[in-house]
């Protein structure tokens, strides 16, 4: 490997790590994409750790995983699918369903299919390599925050079960999370409860919480409206 290429690869990997520490996933995406392009021209991108010739890269699998996670952050699931297809079948970790890279792609498929319980379950199961673990933790928090915002926007009242599914917590943890965020718990006898035991809890966002979310999202773009419509349609289909 030429000295200039090795130096560039080392610089990119260091910048990528710094962006990860700063939780700047736009930069992580840029650096990981550039890193893939640069290293792939050497023909060694998927040949394992030894082929990196001391370029400062611990393991190519780690950077592929961070590339996946950065695409998930940006909602670019089709691009993540193409990344998976670019990985040769001969690349060892791709053939191992328990490898970091295989489980990262599994997260993408769960997001694609809106299988949120499986997404949270896979992400939280571990173990992940340290750098990937940081990315997974950030991604889970991002999805949880995004879904919480959509719940506040879409519903004046929502069942605790639906809320728990969207934020990836148990019923008890979800209720505690909701109360801290500004939701109130409604008694089932005050609501229409069609559950078998008649003990479903409902959550209602406070006006303050509604106003806060509205201020943060004052400009609603067409993409946001589409995401919100799909979200409500998904919830309605799950309820019915």
Protein backbone atom coordinates (compact mmCIF):
# COMPACT_ATOMS: atom_id res chain seq x y z
CA UNK A 1 0.00 0.00 0.00
CA UNK A 2 1.36 3.43 -0.98
CA UNK A 3 2.47 5.70 1.87
CA UNK A 4 0.01 8.47 0.92
CA UNK A 5 -2.92 6.05 0.87
CA UNK A 6 -1.94 4.58 4.24
CA UNK A 7 -1.66 8.09 5.70
CA UNK A 8 -5.06 9.08 4.30
CA UNK A 9 -6.70 5.92 5.65
CA UNK A 10 -5.22 6.54 9.09
CA UNK A 11 -6.46 10.15 9.04
CA UNK A 12 -9.96 9.09 8.00
CA UNK A 13 -10.20 6.45 10.71
CA UNK A 14 -9.10 8.96 13.36
CA UNK A 15 -11.61 11.54 12.11
CA UNK A 16 -14.34 8.90 12.12
CA UNK A 17 -13.59 7.99 15.73
CA UNK A 18 -13.61 11.68 16.73
CA UNK A 19 -16.98 12.16 15.02
CA UNK A 20 -18.32 9.13 16.88
CA UNK A 21 -17.21 10.66 20.19
CA UNK A 22 -19.02 13.87 19.21
CA UNK A 23 -22.14 11.91 18.17
CA UNK A 24 -21.94 13.61 14.77
CA UNK A 25 -23.45 10.95 12.54
CA UNK A 26 -23.40 13.07 9.41
CA UNK A 27 -19.61 13.17 9.69
CA UNK A 28 -19.44 9.49 10.61
CA UNK A 29 -21.33 8.74 7.42
CA UNK A 30 -19.06 10.94 5.31
CA UNK A 31 -15.82 9.52 6.72
CA UNK A 32 -16.94 5.88 6.63
CA UNK A 33 -18.12 6.21 3.01
CA UNK A 34 -14.82 7.84 2.01
CA UNK A 35 -12.89 5.19 3.92
CA UNK A 36 -14.72 2.40 2.11
CA UNK A 37 -14.05 4.01 -1.26
CA UNK A 38 -10.37 4.59 -0.56
CA UNK A 39 -9.61 1.17 0.88
CA UNK A 40 -11.69 -0.71 -1.68
CA UNK A 41 -9.36 0.53 -4.41
CA UNK A 42 -6.57 -1.47 -2.79
CA UNK A 43 -8.58 -4.67 -3.14
CA UNK A 44 -8.18 -5.35 0.57
CA UNK A 45 -11.35 -3.87 2.06
CA UNK A 46 -12.91 -7.23 2.87
CA UNK A 47 -9.84 -9.43 3.24
CA UNK A 48 -9.46 -9.16 6.99
CA UNK A 49 -7.38 -7.34 9.53
CA UNK A 50 -3.95 -8.38 8.20
CA UNK A 51 -4.49 -6.80 4.79
CA UNK A 52 -4.68 -3.27 6.17
CA UNK A 53 -0.88 -3.10 6.37
CA UNK A 54 -0.66 -1.17 9.61
CA UNK A 55 -2.87 1.63 8.33
CA UNK A 56 -4.31 2.29 11.81
CA UNK A 57 -7.45 0.25 11.30
CA UNK A 58 -8.19 -2.27 14.04
CA UNK A 59 -10.78 -4.26 12.14
CA UNK A 60 -12.63 -3.45 8.89
CA UNK A 61 -15.81 -4.99 10.33
CA UNK A 62 -15.99 -2.19 12.91
CA UNK A 63 -16.00 0.50 10.24
CA UNK A 64 -18.55 -1.32 8.12
CA UNK A 65 -20.81 -1.45 11.20
CA UNK A 66 -20.36 2.27 11.83
CA UNK A 67 -21.20 2.90 8.17
CA UNK A 68 -24.41 0.90 8.61
CA UNK A 69 -25.35 2.79 11.79
CA UNK A 70 -24.71 6.17 10.17
CA UNK A 71 -27.10 5.21 7.35
CA UNK A 72 -29.73 4.13 9.88
CA UNK A 73 -29.40 7.52 11.57
CA UNK A 74 -30.08 9.26 8.26
CA UNK A 75 -33.01 6.97 7.47
CA UNK A 76 -31.19 5.72 4.38
CA UNK A 77 -32.28 2.09 4.57
CA UNK A 78 -32.05 1.44 0.81
CA UNK A 79 -28.42 2.65 0.91
CA UNK A 80 -27.80 0.29 3.84
CA UNK A 81 -29.17 -2.57 1.74
CA UNK A 82 -26.74 -1.70 -1.06
CA UNK A 83 -23.88 -1.60 1.46
CA UNK A 84 -24.80 -5.12 2.57
CA UNK A 85 -24.82 -6.28 -1.06
CA UNK A 86 -21.39 -4.74 -1.65
CA UNK A 87 -19.90 -6.98 1.04
CA UNK A 88 -18.70 -10.16 -0.71
CA UNK A 89 -20.08 -13.45 0.52
CA UNK A 90 -16.48 -14.50 1.04
CA UNK A 91 -16.09 -11.93 3.84
CA UNK A 92 -16.03 -14.11 6.96
CA UNK A 93 -18.23 -12.03 9.31
CA UNK A 94 -20.98 -11.84 6.68
CA UNK A 95 -21.31 -15.62 6.82
CA UNK A 96 -21.56 -15.58 10.62
CA UNK A 97 -25.11 -14.64 11.77
CA UNK A 98 -23.75 -13.68 15.19
CA UNK A 99 -21.04 -11.32 13.93
CA UNK A 100 -21.29 -7.58 14.52
CA UNK A 101 -21.80 -6.80 10.85
CA UNK A 102 -24.54 -9.42 10.37
CA UNK A 103 -26.42 -8.22 13.43
CA UNK A 104 -26.06 -4.58 12.29
CA UNK A 105 -27.75 -5.48 9.03
CA UNK A 106 -30.40 -7.35 11.00
CA UNK A 107 -31.14 -4.06 12.82
CA UNK A 108 -31.62 -2.41 9.44
CA UNK A 109 -34.10 -5.07 8.34
CA UNK A 110 -36.06 -4.65 11.56
CA UNK A 111 -36.22 -0.87 11.00
CA UNK A 112 -37.27 -1.43 7.39
CA UNK A 113 -40.12 -3.71 8.46
CA UNK A 114 -41.04 -1.55 11.49
CA UNK A 115 -40.32 -4.53 13.76
CA UNK A 116 -39.51 -2.29 16.67
CA UNK A 117 -39.60 -4.90 19.41
CA UNK A 118 -37.08 -6.99 17.43
CA UNK A 119 -34.99 -3.90 16.71
CA UNK A 120 -34.67 -3.05 20.40
CA UNK A 121 -34.16 -6.69 21.34
CA UNK A 122 -31.34 -7.16 18.82
CA UNK A 123 -29.67 -3.87 19.68
CA UNK A 124 -29.75 -4.41 23.41
CA UNK A 125 -28.74 -8.08 23.27
CA UNK A 126 -25.04 -7.53 22.60
CA UNK A 127 -22.24 -8.12 23.01
CA UNK A 128 -20.86 -5.59 20.53
CA UNK A 129 -17.30 -4.43 19.89
CA UNK A 130 -16.65 -1.26 21.94
CA UNK A 131 -16.81 1.28 19.07
CA UNK A 132 -19.88 -0.43 17.63
CA UNK A 133 -21.50 -0.52 21.08
CA UNK A 134 -21.24 3.28 21.26
CA UNK A 135 -22.97 3.51 17.92
CA UNK A 136 -25.70 1.03 18.87
CA UNK A 137 -26.43 2.91 22.12
CA UNK A 138 -26.69 6.19 20.21
CA UNK A 139 -28.93 4.62 17.55
CA UNK A 140 -31.32 3.14 20.13
CA UNK A 141 -31.59 6.50 21.89
CA UNK A 142 -32.16 8.21 18.52
CA UNK A 143 -34.95 5.82 17.48
CA UNK A 144 -36.52 6.04 20.93
CA UNK A 145 -36.46 9.86 20.88
CA UNK A 146 -37.78 10.00 17.32
CA UNK A 147 -40.66 7.64 18.10
CA UNK A 148 -41.48 9.54 21.29
CA UNK A 149 -41.74 12.76 19.30
CA UNK A 150 -44.02 11.09 16.77
CA UNK A 151 -46.25 9.77 19.57
CA UNK A 152 -46.59 13.26 21.02
CA UNK A 153 -47.46 14.66 17.58
CA UNK A 154 -49.84 11.90 16.54
CA UNK A 155 -51.88 11.13 19.65
CA UNK A 156 -53.79 12.89 22.38
CA UNK A 157 -54.12 9.53 24.16
CA UNK A 158 -52.24 6.28 23.60
CA UNK A 159 -52.21 2.93 25.37
CA UNK A 160 -49.26 2.09 27.57
CA UNK A 161 -48.67 -1.09 25.52
CA UNK A 162 -48.32 0.88 22.28
CA UNK A 163 -46.11 3.47 23.98
CA UNK A 164 -43.84 0.76 25.43
CA UNK A 165 -43.44 -0.88 22.02
CA UNK A 166 -42.40 2.37 20.38
CA UNK A 167 -39.81 3.37 23.00
CA UNK A 168 -38.46 -0.13 23.63
CA UNK A 169 -39.16 -0.44 27.35
CA UNK A 170 -41.12 -2.80 29.55
CA UNK A 171 -44.55 -1.52 30.64
CA UNK A 172 -43.19 -0.41 34.02
CA UNK A 173 -40.12 1.31 32.58
CA UNK A 174 -42.19 2.89 29.80
CA UNK A 175 -44.64 4.35 32.30
CA UNK A 176 -41.78 5.81 34.34
CA UNK A 177 -40.19 7.21 31.18
CA UNK A 178 -43.48 8.73 30.06
CA UNK A 179 -44.18 10.44 33.37
CA UNK A 180 -40.69 11.96 33.37
CA UNK A 181 -41.30 13.27 29.86
CA UNK A 182 -44.56 14.94 30.81
CA UNK A 183 -47.26 12.35 30.13
CA UNK A 184 -50.06 11.64 32.59
CA UNK A 185 -51.48 8.18 33.31
CA UNK A 186 -55.20 7.88 32.70
CA UNK A 187 -57.33 5.41 34.67
CA UNK A 188 -58.82 2.74 32.47
CA UNK A 189 -62.32 3.34 33.83
CA UNK A 190 -62.12 6.87 32.39
CA UNK A 191 -61.29 5.59 28.92
CA UNK A 192 -62.78 3.20 26.36
CA UNK A 193 -61.03 -0.06 27.24
CA UNK A 194 -61.64 -3.05 24.98
CA UNK A 195 -58.94 -5.25 26.49
CA UNK A 196 -59.80 -8.65 27.89
CA UNK A 197 -59.02 -7.72 31.48
CA UNK A 198 -60.21 -4.12 31.28
CA UNK A 199 -57.00 -2.95 32.92
CA UNK A 200 -55.24 -1.20 30.05
CA UNK A 201 -53.47 1.99 31.06
CA UNK A 202 -53.53 5.02 28.82
CA UNK A 203 -51.07 7.90 28.55
CA UNK A 204 -51.88 11.49 27.72
CA UNK A 205 -49.21 14.07 26.78
CA UNK A 206 -49.44 17.31 28.73
CA UNK A 207 -50.08 20.58 26.91
CA UNK A 208 -46.61 21.71 27.93
CA UNK A 209 -45.07 18.65 26.26
CA UNK A 210 -47.17 19.19 23.13
CA UNK A 211 -46.07 22.82 22.99
CA UNK A 212 -42.41 21.92 23.48
CA UNK A 213 -42.47 19.40 20.62
CA UNK A 214 -44.35 21.87 18.44
CA UNK A 215 -41.75 24.57 19.02
CA UNK A 216 -38.86 22.23 18.27
CA UNK A 217 -40.56 21.08 15.08
CA UNK A 218 -42.14 24.34 13.98
CA UNK A 219 -41.34 23.75 10.32
CA UNK A 220 -42.87 20.50 9.20
CA UNK A 221 -41.35 19.37 5.92
CA UNK A 222 -43.03 17.06 3.43
CA UNK A 223 -40.71 14.24 4.52
CA UNK A 224 -41.83 14.70 8.13
CA UNK A 225 -45.49 14.58 7.12
CA UNK A 226 -44.89 11.39 5.19
CA UNK A 227 -43.08 9.81 8.13
CA UNK A 228 -45.87 10.81 10.50
CA UNK A 229 -48.54 9.41 8.15
CA UNK A 230 -46.71 6.09 7.86
CA UNK A 231 -46.24 5.99 11.62
CA UNK A 232 -49.95 6.51 12.37
CA UNK A 233 -50.94 3.99 9.70
CA UNK A 234 -48.55 1.45 11.22
CA UNK A 235 -49.96 1.94 14.72
CA UNK A 236 -53.54 1.76 13.49
CA UNK A 237 -52.81 -1.48 11.63
CA UNK A 238 -51.22 -2.97 14.77
CA UNK A 239 -54.23 -1.92 16.88
CA UNK A 240 -56.79 -3.33 14.46
